[in-house]
Amino acid sequence: MKFDVKHGKDMHKLEVPDDATLGQLKEELAKLTKVPVGMQKLTGKPNLKDDAKLLTDCGFKPGTCANKLMLIGSSAQDVVQAN
């Protein structure tokens, strides 16, 4: 399953298995963006709160077209620098 995720000014493209959970998607995003899973807020679809939920159950579609999301959150380093 393909995703285009906007985070700040950046656009990240990633792919996860079709049977992945929301938590697995967030783990992949954490690797790309350095935003810890606990500090991530995803927008673009309703019901994006249960990390154990399958992405297909959240309304995402497998196939050739990328699903679009927006990630809101700061890396731990950015939070420390702001304080």
N, C-alpha and C. Protein backbone atom coordinates (compact mmCIF):
# COMPACT_ATOMS: atom_id res chain seq x y z
N MET A 1 0.85 -1.16 0.00
CA MET A 1 0.00 0.00 0.00
C MET A 1 0.90 1.23 0.00
N LYS A 2 0.64 2.15 -0.91
CA LYS A 2 1.48 3.32 -1.07
C LYS A 2 0.85 4.54 -0.39
N PHE A 3 1.74 5.39 0.14
CA PHE A 3 1.29 6.61 0.81
C PHE A 3 2.16 7.79 0.40
N ASP A 4 1.52 8.94 0.23
CA ASP A 4 2.18 10.23 0.12
C ASP A 4 1.81 10.98 1.38
N VAL A 5 2.81 11.29 2.20
CA VAL A 5 2.55 11.92 3.49
C VAL A 5 3.25 13.28 3.53
N LYS A 6 2.47 14.32 3.72
CA LYS A 6 3.01 15.68 3.84
C LYS A 6 3.31 15.94 5.31
N HIS A 7 4.54 16.41 5.56
CA HIS A 7 4.95 16.76 6.92
C HIS A 7 5.70 18.07 6.83
N GLY A 8 5.08 19.14 7.29
CA GLY A 8 5.67 20.47 7.15
C GLY A 8 5.81 20.81 5.68
N LYS A 9 7.01 21.12 5.26
CA LYS A 9 7.26 21.45 3.85
C LYS A 9 7.62 20.22 3.03
N ASP A 10 7.82 19.09 3.69
CA ASP A 10 8.31 17.89 3.02
C ASP A 10 7.17 16.95 2.62
N MET A 11 7.39 16.24 1.51
CA MET A 11 6.47 15.19 1.07
C MET A 11 7.25 13.87 1.11
N HIS A 12 6.73 12.91 1.86
CA HIS A 12 7.37 11.60 2.00
C HIS A 12 6.55 10.56 1.28
N LYS A 13 7.22 9.72 0.52
CA LYS A 13 6.57 8.60 -0.14
C LYS A 13 7.02 7.33 0.57
N LEU A 14 6.07 6.49 0.92
CA LEU A 14 6.43 5.23 1.54
C LEU A 14 5.44 4.15 1.15
N GLU A 15 5.86 2.93 1.36
CA GLU A 15 5.03 1.79 1.03
C GLU A 15 5.09 0.80 2.18
N VAL A 16 3.92 0.29 2.56
CA VAL A 16 3.81 -0.71 3.62
C VAL A 16 2.98 -1.88 3.07
N PRO A 17 3.08 -3.05 3.68
CA PRO A 17 2.27 -4.19 3.22
C PRO A 17 0.77 -3.87 3.29
N ASP A 18 0.00 -4.50 2.42
CA ASP A 18 -1.44 -4.27 2.39
C ASP A 18 -2.13 -4.66 3.69
N ASP A 19 -1.53 -5.57 4.46
CA ASP A 19 -2.14 -6.01 5.71
C ASP A 19 -1.54 -5.30 6.93
N ALA A 20 -0.87 -4.16 6.70
CA ALA A 20 -0.24 -3.41 7.79
C ALA A 20 -1.29 -2.71 8.66
N THR A 21 -0.90 -2.44 9.89
CA THR A 21 -1.75 -1.70 10.81
C THR A 21 -1.37 -0.23 10.81
N LEU A 22 -2.21 0.58 11.41
CA LEU A 22 -1.92 2.00 11.55
C LEU A 22 -0.63 2.20 12.35
N GLY A 23 -0.43 1.38 13.36
CA GLY A 23 0.79 1.46 14.17
C GLY A 23 2.04 1.19 13.35
N GLN A 24 1.96 0.24 12.42
CA GLN A 24 3.11 -0.07 11.57
C GLN A 24 3.41 1.10 10.63
N LEU A 25 2.37 1.73 10.12
CA LEU A 25 2.55 2.91 9.27
C LEU A 25 3.23 4.02 10.07
N LYS A 26 2.79 4.23 11.31
CA LYS A 26 3.38 5.27 12.15
C LYS A 26 4.85 4.97 12.45
N GLU A 27 5.20 3.70 12.63
CA GLU A 27 6.60 3.32 12.87
C GLU A 27 7.46 3.68 11.67
N GLU A 28 6.95 3.43 10.47
CA GLU A 28 7.69 3.78 9.25
C GLU A 28 7.84 5.29 9.13
N LEU A 29 6.78 6.01 9.48
CA LEU A 29 6.85 7.47 9.44
C LEU A 29 7.85 8.01 10.46
N ALA A 30 7.93 7.37 11.61
CA ALA A 30 8.89 7.80 12.64
C ALA A 30 10.32 7.66 12.12
N LYS A 31 10.59 6.60 11.36
CA LYS A 31 11.93 6.42 10.78
C LYS A 31 12.24 7.52 9.78
N LEU A 32 11.25 7.91 8.99
CA LEU A 32 11.46 8.93 7.95
C LEU A 32 11.56 10.34 8.50
N THR A 33 10.71 10.65 9.48
CA THR A 33 10.55 12.04 9.93
C THR A 33 11.18 12.33 11.28
N LYS A 34 11.56 11.31 12.02
CA LYS A 34 12.11 11.45 13.38
C LYS A 34 11.04 11.94 14.38
N VAL A 35 9.76 11.90 13.98
CA VAL A 35 8.67 12.25 14.89
C VAL A 35 8.24 10.96 15.60
N PRO A 36 8.42 10.87 16.92
CA PRO A 36 8.04 9.65 17.64
C PRO A 36 6.56 9.32 17.45
N VAL A 37 6.25 8.03 17.45
CA VAL A 37 4.87 7.58 17.24
C VAL A 37 3.91 8.27 18.19
N GLY A 38 4.28 8.43 19.44
CA GLY A 38 3.40 9.05 20.43
C GLY A 38 3.13 10.52 20.19
N MET A 39 3.94 11.15 19.35
CA MET A 39 3.78 12.58 19.07
C MET A 39 3.19 12.83 17.68
N GLN A 40 2.79 11.74 17.00
CA GLN A 40 2.25 11.87 15.65
C GLN A 40 0.74 12.06 15.66
N LYS A 41 0.26 12.96 14.81
CA LYS A 41 -1.16 13.08 14.55
C LYS A 41 -1.31 13.03 13.03
N LEU A 42 -2.09 12.06 12.55
CA LEU A 42 -2.33 11.91 11.12
C LEU A 42 -3.71 12.42 10.78
N THR A 43 -3.79 13.17 9.68
CA THR A 43 -5.08 13.65 9.21
C THR A 43 -5.24 13.24 7.75
N GLY A 44 -6.48 13.15 7.33
CA GLY A 44 -6.78 12.78 5.96
C GLY A 44 -7.88 11.75 5.87
N LYS A 45 -8.08 11.02 6.94
CA LYS A 45 -9.16 10.03 7.06
C LYS A 45 -9.66 10.06 8.50
N PRO A 46 -10.94 9.74 8.69
CA PRO A 46 -11.43 9.62 10.07
C PRO A 46 -10.91 8.32 10.71
N ASN A 47 -11.02 8.20 11.99
CA ASN A 47 -10.68 6.97 12.72
C ASN A 47 -9.21 6.60 12.64
N LEU A 48 -8.32 7.56 12.80
CA LEU A 48 -6.89 7.27 12.77
C LEU A 48 -6.29 7.33 14.17
N LYS A 49 -6.98 6.73 15.12
CA LYS A 49 -6.52 6.76 16.51
C LYS A 49 -6.09 5.39 17.04
N ASP A 50 -6.67 4.30 16.53
CA ASP A 50 -6.39 2.95 17.02
C ASP A 50 -5.23 2.35 16.23
N ASP A 51 -4.04 2.30 16.83
CA ASP A 51 -2.86 1.81 16.14
C ASP A 51 -2.94 0.33 15.76
N ALA A 52 -3.83 -0.43 16.40
CA ALA A 52 -3.96 -1.86 16.10
C ALA A 52 -4.87 -2.11 14.88
N LYS A 53 -5.55 -1.07 14.43
CA LYS A 53 -6.49 -1.21 13.33
C LYS A 53 -5.77 -1.39 12.00
N LEU A 54 -6.27 -2.29 11.16
CA LEU A 54 -5.70 -2.47 9.83
C LEU A 54 -5.93 -1.22 9.00
N LEU A 55 -4.98 -0.90 8.15
CA LEU A 55 -5.13 0.29 7.30
C LEU A 55 -6.34 0.18 6.39
N THR A 56 -6.64 -1.02 5.92
CA THR A 56 -7.83 -1.19 5.07
C THR A 56 -9.11 -0.89 5.86
N ASP A 57 -9.11 -1.20 7.16
CA ASP A 57 -10.27 -0.90 8.01
C ASP A 57 -10.39 0.60 8.30
N CYS A 58 -9.29 1.34 8.09
CA CYS A 58 -9.30 2.80 8.26
C CYS A 58 -9.78 3.50 7.00
N GLY A 59 -10.00 2.73 5.93
CA GLY A 59 -10.49 3.32 4.69
C GLY A 59 -9.44 3.50 3.61
N PHE A 60 -8.22 3.03 3.86
CA PHE A 60 -7.18 3.15 2.85
C PHE A 60 -7.30 2.02 1.84
N LYS A 61 -6.95 2.33 0.60
CA LYS A 61 -7.12 1.37 -0.50
C LYS A 61 -5.75 0.93 -1.02
N PRO A 62 -5.56 -0.39 -1.12
CA PRO A 62 -4.34 -0.87 -1.77
C PRO A 62 -4.47 -0.68 -3.28
N GLY A 63 -3.36 -0.65 -3.98
CA GLY A 63 -3.39 -0.48 -5.43
C GLY A 63 -2.30 0.45 -5.90
N THR A 64 -2.45 0.94 -7.09
CA THR A 64 -1.39 1.74 -7.69
C THR A 64 -1.41 3.19 -7.25
N CYS A 65 -2.55 3.72 -6.87
CA CYS A 65 -2.66 5.13 -6.48
C CYS A 65 -2.25 5.29 -5.02
N ALA A 66 -1.47 6.31 -4.73
CA ALA A 66 -1.00 6.54 -3.36
C ALA A 66 -2.10 7.18 -2.51
N ASN A 67 -2.24 6.68 -1.29
CA ASN A 67 -3.13 7.28 -0.31
C ASN A 67 -2.46 8.54 0.22
N LYS A 68 -3.23 9.58 0.47
CA LYS A 68 -2.66 10.86 0.90
C LYS A 68 -3.00 11.13 2.38
N LEU A 69 -1.97 11.56 3.11
CA LEU A 69 -2.11 11.89 4.52
C LEU A 69 -1.29 13.13 4.84
N MET A 70 -1.61 13.73 5.98
CA MET A 70 -0.79 14.81 6.51
C MET A 70 -0.38 14.41 7.92
N LEU A 71 0.90 14.58 8.20
CA LEU A 71 1.45 14.28 9.52
C LEU A 71 1.71 15.58 10.25
N ILE A 72 1.16 15.67 11.46
CA ILE A 72 1.40 16.82 12.32
C ILE A 72 2.19 16.30 13.52
N GLY A 73 3.32 16.93 13.80
CA GLY A 73 4.13 16.52 14.93
C GLY A 73 5.55 17.01 14.77
N SER A 74 6.25 17.09 15.89
CA SER A 74 7.63 17.56 15.91
C SER A 74 8.53 16.45 16.44
N SER A 75 9.76 16.46 15.97
CA SER A 75 10.73 15.50 16.49
C SER A 75 11.07 15.88 17.92
N ALA A 76 11.56 14.91 18.68
CA ALA A 76 11.94 15.17 20.07
C ALA A 76 13.02 16.25 20.12
N GLN A 77 13.94 16.25 19.16
CA GLN A 77 15.01 17.25 19.12
C GLN A 77 14.44 18.65 18.92
N ASP A 78 13.43 18.78 18.03
CA ASP A 78 12.81 20.09 17.79
C ASP A 78 12.11 20.60 19.06
N VAL A 79 11.50 19.70 19.80
CA VAL A 79 10.80 20.10 21.02
C VAL A 79 11.80 20.59 22.05
N VAL A 80 12.92 19.89 22.19
CA VAL A 80 13.95 20.28 23.16
C VAL A 80 14.54 21.64 22.78
N GLN A 81 14.80 21.85 21.48
CA GLN A 81 15.37 23.12 21.04
C GLN A 81 14.41 24.29 21.27
N ALA A 82 13.11 24.05 21.18
CA ALA A 82 12.13 25.10 21.38
C ALA A 82 12.02 25.52 22.83
N ASN A 83 12.39 24.63 23.75
CA ASN A 83 12.29 24.94 25.17
C ASN A 83 13.57 25.47 25.62
